Amino acid sequence: MHVKDVLDDLDIRVKLPQHWYSTEVSNEFEDAELVRNDEIIKIKVECEKDTKVIIIDVNDGMSVVSLLPDKKVIGVKYLENKDDFEYIGKPSELYF
């Protein structure tokens, strides 16, 4: 499953860098819910072992993270340039 599939399933239309659309995400996002849709889009799915979240801020980047039961966060933040990304390992208020 790709980010584009998740956005299509939730009927969200937003202009993003092409490589964000093609980012692979867990098939568990088939049951995702739209939590926020304004200047920031937040999509979340509760899984058996963790919670998975996609945060899209067109001006800042797209994050795909897993929130672990012990409140740790792991994931990747994709930036506008296809080859630029950051690993996420610190909790942020935005993810919860």
N, C-alpha and C. Protein backbone atom coordinates (compact mmCIF):
# COMPACT_ATOMS: atom_id res chain seq x y z
N MET A 1 0.85 -1.17 0.00
CA MET A 1 0.00 0.00 0.00
C MET A 1 0.90 1.24 0.00
N HIS A 2 0.47 2.28 -0.69
CA HIS A 2 1.22 3.52 -0.78
C HIS A 2 0.42 4.67 -0.15
N VAL A 3 1.11 5.76 0.15
CA VAL A 3 0.44 6.93 0.72
C VAL A 3 -0.70 7.38 -0.19
N LYS A 4 -0.49 7.33 -1.51
CA LYS A 4 -1.56 7.72 -2.44
C LYS A 4 -2.81 6.89 -2.22
N ASP A 5 -2.67 5.59 -1.99
CA ASP A 5 -3.82 4.73 -1.74
C ASP A 5 -4.58 5.16 -0.48
N VAL A 6 -3.84 5.49 0.57
CA VAL A 6 -4.45 5.92 1.82
C VAL A 6 -5.22 7.22 1.59
N LEU A 7 -4.59 8.17 0.91
CA LEU A 7 -5.26 9.45 0.63
C LEU A 7 -6.51 9.25 -0.22
N ASP A 8 -6.42 8.38 -1.23
CA ASP A 8 -7.59 8.10 -2.08
C ASP A 8 -8.72 7.46 -1.27
N ASP A 9 -8.38 6.51 -0.40
CA ASP A 9 -9.39 5.84 0.43
C ASP A 9 -10.12 6.83 1.33
N LEU A 10 -9.42 7.85 1.79
CA LEU A 10 -10.00 8.85 2.67
C LEU A 10 -10.54 10.06 1.90
N ASP A 11 -10.48 9.98 0.56
CA ASP A 11 -10.97 11.04 -0.32
C ASP A 11 -10.29 12.39 -0.04
N ILE A 12 -8.97 12.34 0.16
CA ILE A 12 -8.19 13.56 0.41
C ILE A 12 -7.45 13.92 -0.86
N ARG A 13 -7.63 15.15 -1.30
CA ARG A 13 -6.94 15.65 -2.49
C ARG A 13 -5.99 16.75 -2.04
N VAL A 14 -4.71 16.51 -2.26
CA VAL A 14 -3.70 17.49 -1.87
C VAL A 14 -2.52 17.36 -2.82
N LYS A 15 -1.91 18.47 -3.17
CA LYS A 15 -0.76 18.46 -4.07
C LYS A 15 0.50 18.23 -3.24
N LEU A 16 1.20 17.13 -3.55
CA LEU A 16 2.40 16.73 -2.82
C LEU A 16 3.52 16.40 -3.80
N PRO A 17 4.75 16.41 -3.34
CA PRO A 17 5.84 15.90 -4.18
C PRO A 17 5.55 14.43 -4.56
N GLN A 18 5.83 14.07 -5.78
CA GLN A 18 5.49 12.74 -6.30
C GLN A 18 6.03 11.61 -5.43
N HIS A 19 7.25 11.77 -4.92
CA HIS A 19 7.83 10.67 -4.13
C HIS A 19 7.11 10.46 -2.80
N TRP A 20 6.36 11.44 -2.31
CA TRP A 20 5.57 11.22 -1.11
C TRP A 20 4.40 10.28 -1.42
N TYR A 21 3.74 10.49 -2.56
CA TYR A 21 2.62 9.63 -2.95
C TYR A 21 3.04 8.17 -3.05
N SER A 22 4.24 7.94 -3.55
CA SER A 22 4.67 6.56 -3.81
C SER A 22 5.35 5.90 -2.60
N THR A 23 5.41 6.59 -1.47
CA THR A 23 5.99 6.02 -0.26
C THR A 23 5.16 4.83 0.21
N GLU A 24 5.82 3.70 0.43
CA GLU A 24 5.11 2.52 0.91
C GLU A 24 4.82 2.63 2.40
N VAL A 25 3.61 2.23 2.75
CA VAL A 25 3.19 2.19 4.16
C VAL A 25 2.54 0.84 4.44
N SER A 26 2.34 0.56 5.70
CA SER A 26 1.76 -0.70 6.14
C SER A 26 0.34 -0.88 5.58
N ASN A 27 0.01 -2.12 5.25
CA ASN A 27 -1.35 -2.42 4.80
C ASN A 27 -2.39 -2.16 5.88
N GLU A 28 -1.94 -2.02 7.10
CA GLU A 28 -2.86 -1.72 8.20
C GLU A 28 -3.54 -0.36 8.01
N PHE A 29 -2.98 0.49 7.15
CA PHE A 29 -3.59 1.79 6.88
C PHE A 29 -4.89 1.67 6.08
N GLU A 30 -5.25 0.46 5.66
CA GLU A 30 -6.55 0.27 5.00
C GLU A 30 -7.69 0.66 5.94
N ASP A 31 -7.47 0.53 7.23
CA ASP A 31 -8.49 0.85 8.23
C ASP A 31 -8.22 2.19 8.92
N ALA A 32 -7.47 3.05 8.29
CA ALA A 32 -7.05 4.31 8.91
C ALA A 32 -8.20 5.29 9.05
N GLU A 33 -8.02 6.19 10.01
CA GLU A 33 -8.99 7.27 10.20
C GLU A 33 -8.30 8.61 10.02
N LEU A 34 -9.03 9.54 9.47
CA LEU A 34 -8.55 10.90 9.31
C LEU A 34 -8.78 11.63 10.62
N VAL A 35 -7.71 12.07 11.27
CA VAL A 35 -7.79 12.73 12.56
C VAL A 35 -7.80 14.25 12.40
N ARG A 36 -7.09 14.73 11.40
CA ARG A 36 -6.95 16.17 11.20
C ARG A 36 -6.78 16.45 9.72
N ASN A 37 -7.46 17.48 9.21
CA ASN A 37 -7.35 17.83 7.79
C ASN A 37 -7.47 19.34 7.64
N ASP A 38 -6.38 20.03 7.94
CA ASP A 38 -6.33 21.47 7.73
C ASP A 38 -4.96 21.79 7.15
N GLU A 39 -4.20 22.68 7.74
CA GLU A 39 -2.85 22.93 7.22
C GLU A 39 -1.93 21.73 7.42
N ILE A 40 -2.33 20.85 8.32
CA ILE A 40 -1.64 19.59 8.56
C ILE A 40 -2.66 18.46 8.45
N ILE A 41 -2.28 17.41 7.73
CA ILE A 41 -3.14 16.23 7.60
C ILE A 41 -2.57 15.16 8.52
N LYS A 42 -3.43 14.58 9.35
CA LYS A 42 -3.00 13.52 10.26
C LYS A 42 -3.91 12.31 10.06
N ILE A 43 -3.27 11.18 9.74
CA ILE A 43 -3.98 9.93 9.50
C ILE A 43 -3.43 8.91 10.49
N LYS A 44 -4.34 8.17 11.13
CA LYS A 44 -3.90 7.27 12.21
C LYS A 44 -4.61 5.93 12.11
N VAL A 45 -3.91 4.88 12.51
CA VAL A 45 -4.52 3.57 12.62
C VAL A 45 -3.99 2.89 13.88
N GLU A 46 -4.91 2.34 14.66
CA GLU A 46 -4.55 1.60 15.88
C GLU A 46 -4.28 0.16 15.47
N CYS A 47 -3.10 -0.33 15.76
CA CYS A 47 -2.71 -1.70 15.44
C CYS A 47 -2.60 -2.51 16.72
N GLU A 48 -2.38 -3.80 16.56
CA GLU A 48 -2.30 -4.68 17.72
C GLU A 48 -1.14 -4.31 18.64
N LYS A 49 0.02 -4.00 18.07
CA LYS A 49 1.21 -3.74 18.88
C LYS A 49 1.57 -2.26 19.02
N ASP A 50 1.06 -1.43 18.11
CA ASP A 50 1.43 -0.02 18.14
C ASP A 50 0.37 0.79 17.41
N THR A 51 0.61 2.08 17.31
CA THR A 51 -0.24 2.98 16.53
C THR A 51 0.62 3.56 15.42
N LYS A 52 0.10 3.55 14.21
CA LYS A 52 0.84 4.10 13.08
C LYS A 52 0.18 5.40 12.65
N VAL A 53 1.03 6.38 12.31
CA VAL A 53 0.54 7.71 11.98
C VAL A 53 1.26 8.24 10.75
N ILE A 54 0.49 8.90 9.88
CA ILE A 54 1.06 9.66 8.77
C ILE A 54 0.72 11.12 9.04
N ILE A 55 1.73 11.97 9.06
CA ILE A 55 1.54 13.41 9.23
C ILE A 55 2.04 14.07 7.95
N ILE A 56 1.17 14.86 7.32
CA ILE A 56 1.57 15.57 6.10
C ILE A 56 1.45 17.06 6.35
N ASP A 57 2.57 17.74 6.25
CA ASP A 57 2.64 19.20 6.30
C ASP A 57 3.36 19.61 5.02
N VAL A 58 2.60 20.11 4.05
CA VAL A 58 3.16 20.40 2.73
C VAL A 58 4.36 21.34 2.83
N ASN A 59 4.39 22.21 3.84
CA ASN A 59 5.48 23.17 3.98
C ASN A 59 6.68 22.62 4.74
N ASP A 60 6.52 21.46 5.40
CA ASP A 60 7.58 20.97 6.27
C ASP A 60 8.04 19.56 5.95
N GLY A 61 7.15 18.69 5.51
CA GLY A 61 7.52 17.32 5.20
C GLY A 61 6.40 16.35 5.54
N MET A 62 6.63 15.10 5.24
CA MET A 62 5.67 14.04 5.54
C MET A 62 6.35 13.03 6.45
N SER A 63 5.72 12.74 7.58
CA SER A 63 6.27 11.79 8.53
C SER A 63 5.41 10.53 8.54
N VAL A 64 6.06 9.39 8.57
CA VAL A 64 5.39 8.11 8.74
C VAL A 64 6.03 7.48 9.98
N VAL A 65 5.25 7.36 11.05
CA VAL A 65 5.83 6.93 12.33
C VAL A 65 4.99 5.83 12.98
N SER A 66 5.64 5.10 13.87
CA SER A 66 4.97 4.14 14.75
C SER A 66 5.13 4.64 16.17
N LEU A 67 4.00 4.68 16.89
CA LEU A 67 4.01 5.06 18.30
C LEU A 67 3.96 3.76 19.10
N LEU A 68 5.01 3.49 19.82
CA LEU A 68 5.11 2.24 20.58
C LEU A 68 4.44 2.39 21.94
N PRO A 69 4.03 1.28 22.56
CA PRO A 69 3.34 1.35 23.85
C PRO A 69 4.12 2.07 24.94
N ASP A 70 5.44 2.04 24.88
CA ASP A 70 6.25 2.71 25.91
C ASP A 70 6.48 4.19 25.59
N LYS A 71 5.65 4.74 24.68
CA LYS A 71 5.68 6.15 24.28
C LYS A 71 6.89 6.51 23.42
N LYS A 72 7.62 5.53 22.93
CA LYS A 72 8.71 5.80 21.99
C LYS A 72 8.11 5.97 20.60
N VAL A 73 8.80 6.75 19.79
CA VAL A 73 8.37 7.01 18.42
C VAL A 73 9.51 6.64 17.48
N ILE A 74 9.19 5.87 16.45
CA ILE A 74 10.19 5.58 15.42
C ILE A 74 9.55 5.83 14.06
N GLY A 75 10.35 6.32 13.14
CA GLY A 75 9.82 6.56 11.81
C GLY A 75 10.75 7.39 10.97
N VAL A 76 10.19 7.90 9.87
CA VAL A 76 10.96 8.68 8.91
C VAL A 76 10.17 9.90 8.51
N LYS A 77 10.88 11.03 8.37
CA LYS A 77 10.28 12.25 7.86
C LYS A 77 10.86 12.49 6.47
N TYR A 78 9.97 12.50 5.47
CA TYR A 78 10.38 12.73 4.09
C TYR A 78 10.28 14.21 3.77
N LEU A 79 11.34 14.73 3.17
CA LEU A 79 11.39 16.15 2.83
C LEU A 79 11.08 16.34 1.36
N GLU A 80 11.06 17.58 0.91
CA GLU A 80 10.64 17.86 -0.47
C GLU A 80 11.56 17.22 -1.51
N ASN A 81 12.85 17.26 -1.28
CA ASN A 81 13.79 16.64 -2.21
C ASN A 81 13.73 15.13 -2.03
N LYS A 82 13.66 14.40 -3.11
CA LYS A 82 13.49 12.94 -3.08
C LYS A 82 14.53 12.23 -2.22
N ASP A 83 15.76 12.73 -2.21
CA ASP A 83 16.84 12.07 -1.49
C ASP A 83 17.03 12.56 -0.06
N ASP A 84 16.19 13.49 0.38
CA ASP A 84 16.32 14.05 1.73
C ASP A 84 15.27 13.46 2.67
N PHE A 85 15.73 12.94 3.80
CA PHE A 85 14.83 12.44 4.83
C PHE A 85 15.55 12.49 6.16
N GLU A 86 14.77 12.38 7.23
CA GLU A 86 15.31 12.37 8.58
C GLU A 86 14.69 11.20 9.33
N TYR A 87 15.48 10.54 10.16
CA TYR A 87 14.93 9.50 11.03
C TYR A 87 14.32 10.17 12.25
N ILE A 88 13.20 9.65 12.69
CA ILE A 88 12.50 10.21 13.85
C ILE A 88 12.63 9.23 15.00
N GLY A 89 13.07 9.72 16.14
CA GLY A 89 13.23 8.86 17.30
C GLY A 89 12.80 9.54 18.58
N LYS A 90 12.27 10.76 18.46
CA LYS A 90 11.86 11.50 19.64
C LYS A 90 10.36 11.78 19.57
N PRO A 91 9.68 11.67 20.69
CA PRO A 91 8.24 11.98 20.70
C PRO A 91 8.00 13.44 20.38
N SER A 92 6.92 13.69 19.67
CA SER A 92 6.49 15.05 19.37
C SER A 92 4.99 15.12 19.65
N GLU A 93 4.55 16.23 20.16
CA GLU A 93 3.15 16.43 20.45
C GLU A 93 2.28 16.16 19.22
N LEU A 94 2.81 16.45 18.05
CA LEU A 94 2.07 16.29 16.81
C LEU A 94 1.67 14.84 16.55
N TYR A 95 2.44 13.89 17.03
CA TYR A 95 2.18 12.49 16.75
C TYR A 95 1.09 11.89 17.65
N PHE A 96 0.82 12.53 18.79
CA PHE A 96 -0.13 11.95 19.76
C PHE A 96 -1.50 12.57 19.68
